Amino acid sequence: MLMSKLIGERTKENPSDAMIASHALLVRAGFIKLVSNGIWSLATPAKRICQKIEKIIRDEMDAIGGQEASFPVVMPRELWEQSGRYTSIGSEMVRFKDRTGRDLVLGMTHEEAAVHFVRDAVNSYQQLPVMVYQFQTKFRDEARCRGGLIRVREFIMKDAYSFHIDNDDLEKYYAKVYDAYINIFNRMGMKRVVAVKSDTGMMGGSVAHEYMLLTDVGEDAIVICPKCDYKANMEVAVSNRISKRDEISEEIKEVYTAEATDIAAVAKRLGVSESKTMKAVCYCVKGSEELVLCFIRGDLEINEAKLKRAVQKDIAPANLNASQELQAGNIGAYNLNVTNTIILFDKSLENQNNLVTGANKAEYHLTGIDMARDFKDIEFVDIAKVAKGEMCPICNAPLDVENGIEVGNIFQLGTKYTESMNMTVLGSDGKPFHPIMGCYGIGIGRALASVAQESHDKDGLIWPMAIAPWQVYLCGIRMDNSEVYQKANELYAQMIKNGIEVIFDDRDTSPGVKFSDCDLMGIPIRVVVSPRSLANGEVEIQLRDKTLKENYKCEDAIGKLKEIMGK
């Protein structure tokens, strides 16, 4: 590839909307161009990286018996009605009509298409297990696009779907995919990827793991034990929470707290720790007038994913300004009288005493609340976020909380889709049964952006050799010099002949511009041909990660490049 022909402008200035390094650098290097909110065009360098990522994934999927297929982006409403997701998924799924008035959807995931694909072709237990996978465009009308390719609306995903006789068969195959994903991210050059337990979300099923690239700019919180193997997404993380009961329980008293309504203000006014308060957090059930009222220790936060699982309903924060039954800022569980409300108590409150809570009237709170004494026959559920420093549920070591970007996910789906879509196969006893499914996804563009986020410096991107758009940046200094011109073109031809992926900067521009573009684009190896080096019959070879910068005889250059690349 010649730099003089490469489409894509390289710039010094960060785009104004870029909040993270990968977004800024991919735009500045001319790898991606914004078309619309969450929709991007990929230039040749980014496309080449994606192709290499896809090859790595394809290798690993084929190694565990995957069969590559291609499902449609546009699907009929009827297919999604069979699974029940046509109505259960909200506005993130795009629905439209064709010219005949038939309802269609844009595929945001392909469980339905996968079941449709195999349910007539796979009809015996002897054909199981079987896995099909694809690389396909998805569209989700994401409300919060961010980070360039990190969170988008249109994207290419590798999604795979496996079918099994029973749970034991699924678990064995799930373990193979689990390990294959570790191989995939290692081969891409990601250094800080961890697999964590996660919420199954809209996919359904009982067991799920996410592969997280640990980075400060990640929007997911990951709970990690530094002493053992416990790792979990905040949505499902648990802890051994330390909470002490006072030896003596005080009597309940009503106290004046004036305009203090939030936990911090109330605790400060009364001179108590926030951990000795009971906080009320209220949600509404979407599509109804029902409320969900949660009580939790004042120093903790509600985990909405856990809460949704607990109530089995879709929720949103409630606006209590017009409530006739709840006094916003002074809500308390003691002597509470409400209708059409689900009330939940978090486990952090269990057996606690001498707590402060709202008095259910303006400007007053209650002190001396004893959960065991003052509340009878209530059930405590875990609806709290794990906090840093709480104890690991496995080894009791203090937990850490880190941020991460989700780069892959795997799910044990059960029979949610095969049952709803009436897929059956004949078992060894001659009786039909619904196969058990697993599904496994990796976003290609997000993987590219995640590597960029992890591997860069102040000068630009630093691509791992395995997925770099080109392995070598051949830089001709003073292309108007006949000797430089001849040797640079000669090396270019030799590299191509020897299978070395090279981009040749043949432009008539300054060395500074060429070196800057090479660093910005993140090409792993730079070969410089200049009048100075050629005076000694040499070329300069420098690695982007700054671990090597040496001159080598021209006749030794190809051999040295092969050595560096492990060819």
Protein backbone atom coordinates (compact mmCIF):
# COMPACT_ATOMS: atom_id res chain seq x y z
CA MET A 1 0.00 0.00 0.00
CA LEU A 2 1.28 3.47 -0.89
CA MET A 3 0.69 6.29 1.59
CA SER A 4 0.21 8.67 -1.32
CA LYS A 5 -2.89 6.66 -2.32
CA LEU A 6 -4.31 5.89 1.14
CA ILE A 7 -7.75 7.41 1.73
CA GLY A 8 -8.06 9.01 5.14
CA GLU A 9 -6.83 12.27 6.62
CA ARG A 10 -4.47 12.35 9.59
CA THR A 11 -4.81 15.33 11.93
CA LYS A 12 -3.15 16.76 15.04
CA GLU A 13 -6.31 17.97 16.76
CA ASN A 14 -8.59 15.72 18.81
CA PRO A 15 -12.26 15.72 17.78
CA SER A 16 -14.29 17.86 20.16
CA ASP A 17 -16.61 15.02 21.19
CA ALA A 18 -13.86 12.46 21.92
CA MET A 19 -13.82 11.64 25.63
CA ILE A 20 -11.43 8.66 25.51
CA ALA A 21 -8.09 8.09 23.80
CA SER A 22 -9.15 5.33 21.39
CA HIS A 23 -11.93 7.49 19.95
CA ALA A 24 -9.62 10.46 19.45
CA LEU A 25 -6.71 8.49 18.01
CA LEU A 26 -8.77 6.38 15.60
CA VAL A 27 -10.32 9.55 14.18
CA ARG A 28 -7.03 11.46 14.10
CA ALA A 29 -5.25 8.57 12.38
CA GLY A 30 -7.90 8.48 9.66
CA PHE A 31 -9.09 4.97 10.60
CA ILE A 32 -12.77 5.85 11.13
CA LYS A 33 -15.17 8.58 10.03
CA LEU A 34 -18.48 9.50 11.63
CA VAL A 35 -21.55 9.16 9.40
CA SER A 36 -24.27 9.67 12.01
CA ASN A 37 -24.70 9.21 15.75
CA GLY A 38 -23.26 5.77 16.54
CA ILE A 39 -22.69 4.94 12.85
CA TRP A 40 -19.15 4.92 11.42
CA SER A 41 -17.31 4.23 8.18
CA LEU A 42 -14.08 2.25 8.48
CA ALA A 43 -11.10 3.21 6.34
CA THR A 44 -8.67 0.65 4.93
CA PRO A 45 -6.42 0.41 8.04
CA ALA A 46 -9.39 -0.26 10.36
CA LYS A 47 -10.88 -2.71 7.89
CA ARG A 48 -7.60 -4.63 7.72
CA ILE A 49 -7.50 -4.82 11.52
CA CYS A 50 -11.08 -6.11 11.62
CA GLN A 51 -10.24 -8.78 9.06
CA LYS A 52 -7.35 -9.98 11.20
CA ILE A 53 -9.54 -10.04 14.30
CA GLU A 54 -12.12 -12.04 12.38
CA LYS A 55 -9.47 -14.52 11.24
CA ILE A 56 -8.32 -15.08 14.84
CA ILE A 57 -11.91 -15.65 15.93
CA ARG A 58 -12.61 -17.90 12.95
CA ASP A 59 -9.56 -20.03 13.79
CA GLU A 60 -10.73 -20.53 17.37
CA MET A 61 -14.37 -21.17 16.49
CA ASP A 62 -13.43 -23.72 13.83
CA ALA A 63 -11.09 -25.42 16.33
CA ILE A 64 -14.05 -26.23 18.61
CA GLY A 65 -16.28 -27.48 15.80
CA GLY A 66 -18.06 -24.30 14.79
CA GLN A 67 -19.77 -24.08 11.40
CA GLU A 68 -19.78 -20.62 9.82
CA ALA A 69 -23.11 -19.40 8.44
CA SER A 70 -24.69 -16.08 7.56
CA PHE A 71 -28.10 -15.02 8.85
CA PRO A 72 -30.09 -12.08 7.46
CA VAL A 73 -29.95 -8.58 8.89
CA VAL A 74 -33.67 -8.05 8.10
CA MET A 75 -36.12 -10.55 9.62
CA PRO A 76 -39.93 -10.86 9.63
CA ARG A 77 -41.93 -9.95 12.70
CA GLU A 78 -43.30 -13.50 12.92
CA LEU A 79 -39.88 -14.94 13.75
CA TRP A 80 -39.49 -12.65 16.74
CA GLU A 81 -43.08 -13.17 17.84
CA GLN A 82 -42.34 -16.88 18.14
CA SER A 83 -39.72 -16.14 20.79
CA GLY A 84 -41.83 -13.40 22.43
CA ARG A 85 -39.15 -10.77 21.96
CA TYR A 86 -40.99 -8.71 19.35
CA THR A 87 -42.97 -7.11 22.19
CA SER A 88 -40.57 -7.61 25.12
CA ILE A 89 -37.71 -5.64 23.54
CA GLY A 90 -38.20 -1.89 23.56
CA SER A 91 -37.25 0.94 21.24
CA GLU A 92 -33.66 -0.24 20.81
CA MET A 93 -34.96 -2.67 18.17
CA VAL A 94 -35.83 -1.04 14.84
CA ARG A 95 -39.19 -2.11 13.42
CA PHE A 96 -40.42 -1.12 9.96
CA LYS A 97 -42.70 -2.20 7.11
CA ASP A 98 -41.86 -3.25 3.58
CA ARG A 99 -43.79 -2.03 0.50
CA THR A 100 -46.52 -4.65 1.07
CA GLY A 101 -47.10 -3.55 4.67
CA ARG A 102 -45.39 -6.60 6.19
CA ASP A 103 -43.70 -5.95 9.55
CA LEU A 104 -39.91 -6.41 9.61
CA VAL A 105 -37.12 -5.88 12.13
CA LEU A 106 -33.42 -5.09 11.91
CA GLY A 107 -31.47 -7.85 13.64
CA MET A 108 -29.88 -6.71 16.89
CA THR A 109 -29.04 -10.31 17.78
CA HIS A 110 -29.75 -13.59 16.01
CA GLU A 111 -31.03 -16.26 18.41
CA GLU A 112 -34.30 -16.48 16.49
CA ALA A 113 -32.52 -16.76 13.13
CA ALA A 114 -30.20 -19.46 14.47
CA VAL A 115 -33.07 -21.59 15.78
CA HIS A 116 -34.95 -21.11 12.51
CA PHE A 117 -31.82 -22.17 10.61
CA VAL A 118 -31.22 -25.47 12.44
CA ARG A 119 -34.64 -26.61 13.63
CA ASP A 120 -35.55 -28.50 10.45
CA ALA A 121 -32.02 -29.70 9.70
CA VAL A 122 -31.10 -30.98 13.17
CA ASN A 123 -33.64 -33.61 14.21
CA SER A 124 -31.72 -36.27 16.17
CA TYR A 125 -29.72 -36.34 19.37
CA GLN A 126 -26.94 -37.96 17.34
CA GLN A 127 -26.35 -34.60 15.58
CA LEU A 128 -25.75 -32.83 18.89
CA PRO A 129 -23.82 -30.92 20.04
CA VAL A 130 -23.67 -28.55 17.10
CA MET A 131 -22.58 -24.90 16.88
CA VAL A 132 -23.10 -22.33 14.14
CA TYR A 133 -21.50 -18.90 14.05
CA GLN A 134 -21.45 -15.85 11.82
CA PHE A 135 -19.95 -12.39 11.33
CA GLN A 136 -22.90 -10.11 10.70
CA THR A 137 -24.02 -6.50 10.88
CA LYS A 138 -26.30 -5.66 13.81
CA PHE A 139 -28.31 -2.55 14.50
CA ARG A 140 -29.43 -1.44 17.96
CA ASP A 141 -30.91 2.02 18.40
CA GLU A 142 -28.58 2.74 21.29
CA ALA A 143 -29.61 5.76 23.35
CA ARG A 144 -26.11 6.53 24.67
CA CYS A 145 -23.54 6.17 21.89
CA ARG A 146 -20.06 6.96 23.18
CA GLY A 147 -16.37 6.32 22.79
CA GLY A 148 -16.17 6.09 19.02
CA LEU A 149 -16.53 2.37 18.27
CA ILE A 150 -17.00 1.39 21.92
CA ARG A 151 -20.77 1.97 22.03
CA VAL A 152 -22.47 2.31 18.66
CA ARG A 153 -25.75 1.64 16.89
CA GLU A 154 -24.49 -0.27 13.85
CA PHE A 155 -21.73 -2.83 14.32
CA ILE A 156 -20.39 -6.19 13.16
CA MET A 157 -20.50 -9.01 15.66
CA LYS A 158 -19.33 -12.56 15.73
CA ASP A 159 -22.24 -14.41 17.30
CA ALA A 160 -22.37 -18.16 17.80
CA TYR A 161 -25.16 -20.49 18.89
CA SER A 162 -24.76 -24.03 20.18
CA PHE A 163 -27.39 -26.76 20.70
CA HIS A 164 -27.14 -29.58 23.25
CA ILE A 165 -28.78 -32.72 24.57
CA ASP A 166 -28.66 -31.70 28.23
CA ASN A 167 -27.08 -29.29 30.70
CA ASP A 168 -24.03 -31.49 31.18
CA ASP A 169 -23.34 -31.38 27.43
CA LEU A 170 -23.82 -27.59 27.39
CA GLU A 171 -21.49 -27.07 30.35
CA LYS A 172 -18.72 -29.10 28.68
CA TYR A 173 -19.03 -27.10 25.47
CA TYR A 174 -19.39 -23.82 27.36
CA ALA A 175 -16.01 -24.54 28.98
CA LYS A 176 -14.46 -24.99 25.52
CA VAL A 177 -15.83 -21.63 24.37
CA TYR A 178 -14.70 -20.03 27.63
CA ASP A 179 -11.11 -21.12 26.91
CA ALA A 180 -11.37 -20.26 23.20
CA TYR A 181 -12.30 -16.69 24.13
CA ILE A 182 -9.25 -16.41 26.36
CA ASN A 183 -7.15 -17.55 23.39
CA ILE A 184 -8.85 -15.02 21.10
CA PHE A 185 -8.14 -12.01 23.29
CA ASN A 186 -4.59 -13.16 24.01
CA ARG A 187 -3.93 -13.53 20.28
CA MET A 188 -5.33 -10.05 19.64
CA GLY A 189 -2.74 -8.67 22.04
CA MET A 190 -5.07 -7.62 24.85
CA LYS A 191 -3.18 -7.72 28.15
CA ARG A 192 -5.77 -7.02 30.85
CA VAL A 193 -8.81 -9.09 29.91
CA VAL A 194 -10.62 -10.99 32.67
CA ALA A 195 -13.68 -13.24 32.52
CA VAL A 196 -16.34 -12.32 35.08
CA LYS A 197 -19.76 -13.63 36.05
CA SER A 198 -22.49 -11.43 34.61
CA ASP A 199 -26.21 -10.81 34.31
CA THR A 200 -28.03 -12.65 31.50
CA GLY A 201 -30.17 -9.57 30.75
CA MET A 202 -32.49 -9.66 27.76
CA MET A 203 -30.74 -12.77 26.43
CA GLY A 204 -32.29 -14.93 29.14
CA GLY A 205 -30.74 -18.08 30.56
CA SER A 206 -29.14 -18.92 33.87
CA VAL A 207 -25.34 -18.61 33.53
CA ALA A 208 -23.33 -15.91 31.77
CA HIS A 209 -19.79 -14.55 31.66
CA GLU A 210 -18.41 -11.33 30.25
CA TYR A 211 -14.86 -10.75 29.09
CA MET A 212 -13.76 -7.38 30.39
CA LEU A 213 -10.79 -5.28 29.40
CA LEU A 214 -9.81 -3.53 32.63
CA THR A 215 -9.37 0.18 31.98
CA ASP A 216 -10.14 3.40 33.85
CA VAL A 217 -12.42 4.59 31.03
CA GLY A 218 -14.65 1.49 31.12
CA GLU A 219 -18.30 2.10 31.95
CA ASP A 220 -18.85 -1.28 33.65
CA ALA A 221 -17.80 -1.83 37.26
CA ILE A 222 -16.00 -5.11 37.95
CA VAL A 223 -15.63 -6.59 41.43
CA ILE A 224 -12.34 -8.46 41.79
CA CYS A 225 -10.74 -10.33 44.66
CA PRO A 226 -6.94 -9.88 44.60
CA LYS A 227 -6.44 -13.02 46.69
CA CYS A 228 -8.58 -15.62 44.88
CA ASP A 229 -10.32 -16.15 41.54
CA TYR A 230 -13.56 -14.34 42.42
CA LYS A 231 -14.52 -11.89 39.67
CA ALA A 232 -18.00 -10.59 38.85
CA ASN A 233 -19.74 -7.76 37.07
CA MET A 234 -21.24 -5.34 39.58
CA GLU A 235 -24.69 -6.40 38.33
CA VAL A 236 -24.30 -9.84 39.96
CA ALA A 237 -21.44 -9.36 42.44
CA VAL A 238 -21.93 -10.34 46.08
CA SER A 239 -19.84 -9.80 49.19
CA ASN A 240 -19.59 -10.72 52.84
CA ARG A 241 -20.67 -7.36 54.21
CA ILE A 242 -19.49 -6.49 57.72
CA SER A 243 -22.27 -5.01 59.87
CA LYS A 244 -22.26 -4.78 63.65
CA ARG A 245 -25.28 -4.71 65.93
CA ASP A 246 -25.12 -2.39 68.95
CA GLU A 247 -25.30 -4.14 72.31
CA ILE A 248 -28.22 -1.99 73.51
CA SER A 249 -31.22 -1.04 71.39
CA GLU A 250 -32.57 2.43 71.95
CA GLU A 251 -36.23 3.38 72.00
CA ILE A 252 -37.77 4.84 68.86
CA LYS A 253 -37.79 8.64 68.95
CA GLU A 254 -39.08 11.22 66.51
CA VAL A 255 -36.54 13.97 65.88
CA TYR A 256 -36.71 17.22 64.00
CA THR A 257 -34.38 17.29 60.99
CA ALA A 258 -35.70 20.41 59.23
CA GLU A 259 -34.66 20.67 55.58
CA ALA A 260 -32.23 17.73 55.82
CA THR A 261 -33.65 15.10 53.45
CA ASP A 262 -30.70 13.29 51.86
CA ILE A 263 -28.68 10.73 53.80
CA ALA A 264 -25.51 12.81 54.07
CA ALA A 265 -27.38 15.82 55.48
CA VAL A 266 -29.45 13.76 57.94
CA ALA A 267 -26.41 11.83 59.21
CA LYS A 268 -24.45 15.06 59.69
CA ARG A 269 -27.33 16.76 61.52
CA LEU A 270 -27.83 13.84 63.89
CA GLY A 271 -24.13 13.06 64.30
CA VAL A 272 -24.33 9.46 63.14
CA SER A 273 -22.56 7.40 60.51
CA GLU A 274 -24.37 6.94 57.19
CA SER A 275 -24.11 3.19 57.83
CA LYS A 276 -26.51 3.68 60.77
CA THR A 277 -29.24 5.08 58.54
CA MET A 278 -31.93 3.36 56.48
CA LYS A 279 -32.31 4.87 53.04
CA ALA A 280 -35.50 4.70 50.95
CA VAL A 281 -35.19 4.49 47.16
CA CYS A 282 -38.32 4.44 45.03
CA TYR A 283 -38.91 3.14 41.51
CA CYS A 284 -41.94 2.82 39.29
CA VAL A 285 -42.89 -0.24 37.27
CA LYS A 286 -42.83 0.72 33.61
CA GLY A 287 -46.27 0.65 32.02
CA SER A 288 -48.19 0.74 35.30
CA GLU A 289 -48.83 2.89 38.38
CA GLU A 290 -47.23 0.33 40.70
CA LEU A 291 -44.24 1.48 42.75
CA VAL A 292 -41.22 -0.42 44.05
CA LEU A 293 -39.95 0.94 47.38
CA CYS A 294 -36.52 -0.23 48.48
CA PHE A 295 -34.95 0.17 51.91
CA ILE A 296 -31.19 -0.17 52.16
CA ARG A 297 -28.37 0.83 54.49
CA GLY A 298 -27.68 4.51 53.96
CA ASP A 299 -24.04 4.16 52.86
CA LEU A 300 -24.89 1.69 50.07
CA GLU A 301 -26.41 2.01 46.60
CA ILE A 302 -29.20 0.06 44.91
CA ASN A 303 -28.08 -2.41 42.25
CA GLU A 304 -30.82 -2.01 39.64
CA ALA A 305 -29.95 -5.25 37.85
CA LYS A 306 -30.41 -7.20 41.09
CA LEU A 307 -33.61 -5.27 41.80
CA LYS A 308 -35.08 -6.12 38.39
CA ARG A 309 -34.36 -9.80 39.00
CA ALA A 310 -35.94 -9.59 42.44
CA VAL A 311 -39.22 -8.02 41.26
CA GLN A 312 -39.22 -9.61 37.77
CA LYS A 313 -40.42 -6.34 36.29
CA ASP A 314 -38.98 -3.47 34.25
CA ILE A 315 -38.40 -0.44 36.45
CA ALA A 316 -37.44 3.23 36.27
CA PRO A 317 -36.72 5.89 38.95
CA ALA A 318 -39.98 7.27 40.37
CA ASN A 319 -41.00 10.92 40.69
CA LEU A 320 -42.67 11.32 44.09
CA ASN A 321 -43.38 15.04 43.97
CA ALA A 322 -47.11 14.46 43.56
CA SER A 323 -47.39 11.41 45.84
CA GLN A 324 -50.14 11.51 48.46
CA GLU A 325 -48.72 8.55 50.40
CA LEU A 326 -44.95 9.02 50.35
CA GLN A 327 -43.12 12.05 51.73
CA ALA A 328 -40.05 12.42 49.49
CA GLY A 329 -36.90 12.82 51.59
CA ASN A 330 -38.57 11.56 54.76
CA ILE A 331 -39.79 8.09 53.78
CA GLY A 332 -39.45 5.48 56.51
CA ALA A 333 -40.30 1.79 56.80
CA TYR A 334 -41.74 2.03 60.32
CA ASN A 335 -45.56 2.32 60.41
CA LEU A 336 -45.54 2.85 56.65
CA ASN A 337 -48.97 2.72 55.02
CA VAL A 338 -48.92 2.58 51.21
CA THR A 339 -50.94 0.90 48.48
CA ASN A 340 -50.00 -0.55 45.09
CA THR A 341 -46.35 -0.74 46.18
CA ILE A 342 -43.81 -3.56 46.29
CA ILE A 343 -41.62 -3.13 49.38
CA LEU A 344 -38.15 -4.68 49.58
CA PHE A 345 -35.56 -4.70 52.36
CA ASP A 346 -31.90 -5.18 51.47
CA LYS A 347 -29.82 -7.74 53.34
CA SER A 348 -27.60 -4.96 54.67
CA LEU A 349 -30.39 -4.09 57.12
CA GLU A 350 -30.83 -7.58 58.53
CA ASN A 351 -30.51 -7.66 62.36
CA GLN A 352 -29.39 -4.00 62.46
CA ASN A 353 -30.46 -1.72 65.29
CA ASN A 354 -30.36 1.94 66.30
CA LEU A 355 -31.01 3.01 62.75
CA VAL A 356 -32.24 6.41 61.55
CA THR A 357 -35.09 6.41 59.04
CA GLY A 358 -37.70 8.81 57.75
CA ALA A 359 -40.75 9.52 59.90
CA ASN A 360 -43.09 9.72 56.86
CA LYS A 361 -43.75 13.38 57.45
CA ALA A 362 -41.92 16.49 56.43
CA GLU A 363 -38.92 17.66 58.50
CA TYR A 364 -38.84 14.61 60.81
CA HIS A 365 -36.93 11.34 61.10
CA LEU A 366 -37.00 8.45 63.55
CA THR A 367 -34.05 7.14 65.56
CA GLY A 368 -33.69 3.85 67.44
CA ILE A 369 -35.08 1.55 64.74
CA ASP A 370 -34.34 -2.14 65.48
CA MET A 371 -35.02 -4.39 62.48
CA ALA A 372 -35.46 -7.54 64.57
CA ARG A 373 -37.70 -5.86 67.16
CA ASP A 374 -39.73 -3.46 65.03
CA PHE A 375 -40.36 -5.48 61.84
CA LYS A 376 -41.88 -8.93 61.89
CA ASP A 377 -42.01 -11.53 59.11
CA ILE A 378 -40.10 -9.57 56.51
CA GLU A 379 -37.76 -11.12 53.97
CA PHE A 380 -34.38 -9.59 53.20
CA VAL A 381 -33.03 -9.71 49.63
CA ASP A 382 -29.71 -8.72 48.10
CA ILE A 383 -30.33 -5.58 46.03
CA ALA A 384 -27.18 -3.61 46.93
CA LYS A 385 -24.07 -2.79 44.94
CA VAL A 386 -20.86 -4.25 46.32
CA ALA A 387 -18.53 -1.56 47.69
CA LYS A 388 -14.74 -1.57 47.52
CA GLY A 389 -13.23 -3.03 50.70
CA GLU A 390 -16.13 -5.36 51.48
CA MET A 391 -15.16 -8.98 52.04
CA CYS A 392 -14.84 -11.56 49.25
CA PRO A 393 -17.62 -14.18 49.45
CA ILE A 394 -15.06 -16.93 48.86
CA CYS A 395 -11.94 -16.04 50.86
CA ASN A 396 -12.98 -12.96 52.90
CA ALA A 397 -10.18 -10.79 51.49
CA PRO A 398 -11.04 -7.11 50.82
CA LEU A 399 -12.52 -6.68 47.36
CA ASP A 400 -11.37 -4.24 44.67
CA VAL A 401 -13.66 -2.49 42.18
CA GLU A 402 -12.25 -1.68 38.74
CA ASN A 403 -13.75 -0.32 35.54
CA GLY A 404 -13.89 -2.35 32.37
CA ILE A 405 -15.03 -2.46 28.75
CA GLU A 406 -17.02 -5.53 27.78
CA VAL A 407 -15.25 -7.13 24.80
CA GLY A 408 -17.13 -10.45 24.70
CA ASN A 409 -19.89 -12.44 26.37
CA ILE A 410 -21.07 -16.02 26.64
CA PHE A 411 -24.45 -17.29 27.90
CA GLN A 412 -26.03 -20.58 28.87
CA LEU A 413 -29.49 -19.92 27.46
CA GLY A 414 -31.36 -23.08 28.38
CA THR A 415 -34.47 -23.85 26.31
CA LYS A 416 -35.91 -20.31 26.18
CA TYR A 417 -35.69 -20.12 22.38
CA THR A 418 -35.97 -23.76 21.32
CA GLU A 419 -39.11 -24.18 23.41
CA SER A 420 -40.81 -20.94 22.39
CA MET A 421 -39.95 -21.58 18.72
CA ASN A 422 -40.92 -25.25 18.91
CA MET A 423 -37.58 -26.77 17.97
CA THR A 424 -37.43 -30.45 18.94
CA VAL A 425 -35.12 -33.36 18.23
CA LEU A 426 -35.59 -37.05 18.94
CA GLY A 427 -33.74 -38.37 21.97
CA SER A 428 -32.12 -41.80 22.37
CA ASP A 429 -35.45 -43.03 23.79
CA GLY A 430 -37.30 -41.95 20.64
CA LYS A 431 -39.05 -39.07 22.44
CA PRO A 432 -38.80 -35.46 21.26
CA PHE A 433 -37.12 -32.83 23.45
CA HIS A 434 -36.12 -29.18 23.22
CA PRO A 435 -32.34 -28.78 22.82
CA ILE A 436 -30.52 -26.60 25.32
CA MET A 437 -28.73 -23.57 23.84
CA GLY A 438 -25.63 -21.51 24.45
CA CYS A 439 -24.75 -18.23 22.72
CA TYR A 440 -21.43 -16.45 22.41
CA GLY A 441 -20.65 -12.93 21.09
CA ILE A 442 -17.71 -10.66 20.28
CA GLY A 443 -18.09 -7.18 18.78
CA ILE A 444 -15.42 -6.70 16.11
CA GLY A 445 -15.30 -2.90 16.09
CA ARG A 446 -15.37 -2.74 19.86
CA ALA A 447 -12.48 -5.22 20.02
CA LEU A 448 -10.49 -2.96 17.68
CA ALA A 449 -11.26 0.12 19.78
CA SER A 450 -10.49 -1.71 23.03
CA VAL A 451 -7.02 -2.70 21.83
CA ALA A 452 -6.48 0.93 20.81
CA GLN A 453 -7.59 2.08 24.25
CA GLU A 454 -5.21 -0.28 26.00
CA SER A 455 -2.26 0.14 23.63
CA HIS A 456 -1.31 3.74 22.87
CA ASP A 457 0.92 6.54 24.04
CA LYS A 458 1.07 10.32 23.68
CA ASP A 459 2.18 10.00 20.05
CA GLY A 460 -0.54 7.65 18.85
CA LEU A 461 -1.66 4.05 18.54
CA ILE A 462 0.56 1.01 19.17
CA TRP A 463 -0.89 -2.01 17.40
CA PRO A 464 0.10 -5.54 18.43
CA MET A 465 1.80 -7.30 15.51
CA ALA A 466 -1.02 -9.86 15.21
CA ILE A 467 -3.68 -7.33 14.23
CA ALA A 468 -1.71 -4.34 12.95
CA PRO A 469 -3.07 -3.02 9.64
CA TRP A 470 0.48 -3.34 8.24
CA GLN A 471 3.50 -4.81 9.92
CA VAL A 472 6.00 -2.36 8.47
CA TYR A 473 5.95 1.37 7.71
CA LEU A 474 8.60 1.94 5.01
CA CYS A 475 9.65 5.54 5.18
CA GLY A 476 11.60 7.12 2.36
CA ILE A 477 13.38 10.34 3.39
CA ARG A 478 14.17 12.65 0.44
CA MET A 479 12.34 10.70 -2.24
CA ASP A 480 13.77 13.20 -4.72
CA ASN A 481 17.15 11.56 -4.08
CA SER A 482 17.63 8.91 -6.76
CA GLU A 483 19.49 6.52 -4.45
CA VAL A 484 16.77 6.74 -1.78
CA TYR A 485 14.08 6.34 -4.41
CA GLN A 486 15.71 3.26 -5.88
CA LYS A 487 16.53 1.52 -2.56
CA ALA A 488 13.14 2.29 -1.00
CA ASN A 489 11.28 0.86 -3.99
CA GLU A 490 13.60 -2.13 -4.05
CA LEU A 491 12.90 -2.87 -0.35
CA TYR A 492 9.17 -2.38 -0.92
CA ALA A 493 9.20 -5.02 -3.65
CA GLN A 494 11.29 -7.40 -1.50
CA MET A 495 8.94 -7.06 1.47
CA ILE A 496 5.91 -7.85 -0.65
CA LYS A 497 7.71 -10.84 -2.18
CA ASN A 498 8.55 -12.14 1.31
CA GLY A 499 5.00 -11.83 2.60
CA ILE A 500 5.67 -8.78 4.77
CA GLU A 501 2.68 -6.46 5.02
CA VAL A 502 4.04 -3.00 4.30
CA ILE A 503 2.77 0.50 3.78
CA PHE A 504 5.25 2.61 1.85
CA ASP A 505 5.36 6.33 2.61
CA ASP A 506 6.32 7.53 -0.85
CA ARG A 507 5.07 11.09 -0.31
CA ASP A 508 7.16 14.16 -1.02
CA THR A 509 6.90 15.61 2.47
CA SER A 510 9.10 16.25 5.50
CA PRO A 511 10.57 13.52 7.73
CA GLY A 512 8.70 14.98 10.70
CA VAL A 513 5.33 14.51 9.01
CA LYS A 514 6.19 10.95 7.99
CA PHE A 515 7.48 9.95 11.44
CA SER A 516 4.47 11.57 13.09
CA ASP A 517 2.02 9.71 10.83
CA CYS A 518 3.81 6.42 11.46
CA ASP A 519 3.56 6.88 15.24
CA LEU A 520 -0.05 8.07 15.05
CA MET A 521 -1.11 5.08 12.96
CA GLY A 522 0.66 2.69 15.32
CA ILE A 523 2.49 0.56 12.73
CA PRO A 524 4.74 -1.84 14.75
CA ILE A 525 7.96 -1.52 12.69
CA ARG A 526 9.39 1.54 10.96
CA VAL A 527 12.07 1.15 8.30
CA VAL A 528 13.76 4.41 7.33
CA VAL A 529 15.67 4.80 4.09
CA SER A 530 17.60 8.09 4.04
CA PRO A 531 20.69 9.57 2.37
CA ARG A 532 22.53 9.43 5.71
CA SER A 533 21.87 5.71 6.34
CA LEU A 534 22.51 4.75 2.72
CA ALA A 535 25.94 6.43 2.89
CA ASN A 536 26.90 3.44 5.05
CA GLY A 537 24.85 0.94 3.05
CA GLU A 538 22.31 0.74 5.89
CA VAL A 539 18.66 1.32 6.76
CA GLU A 540 17.24 2.18 10.18
CA ILE A 541 14.78 -0.18 11.85
CA GLN A 542 12.78 1.12 14.81
CA LEU A 543 9.96 -0.50 16.78
CA ARG A 544 6.88 1.53 17.66
CA ASP A 545 7.11 0.46 21.30
CA LYS A 546 10.62 2.03 21.48
CA THR A 547 12.35 -1.25 22.40
CA LEU A 548 14.61 -1.21 19.32
CA LYS A 549 16.25 1.42 17.16
CA GLU A 550 19.26 0.19 15.17
CA ASN A 551 20.86 0.46 11.74
CA TYR A 552 21.25 -2.69 9.66
CA LYS A 553 22.93 -3.43 6.34
CA CYS A 554 20.46 -3.16 3.48
CA GLU A 555 21.02 -6.78 2.50
CA ASP A 556 20.19 -7.90 6.09
CA ALA A 557 17.00 -5.83 6.47
CA ILE A 558 14.51 -8.43 5.23
CA GLY A 559 16.02 -11.13 7.44
CA LYS A 560 15.88 -8.84 10.48
CA LEU A 561 12.24 -7.94 9.80
CA LYS A 562 11.34 -11.64 9.56
CA GLU A 563 13.15 -12.24 12.84
CA ILE A 564 11.23 -9.46 14.58
CA MET A 565 7.92 -10.75 13.21
CA GLY A 566 8.74 -14.37 14.05
CA LYS A 567 8.42 -15.48 10.43
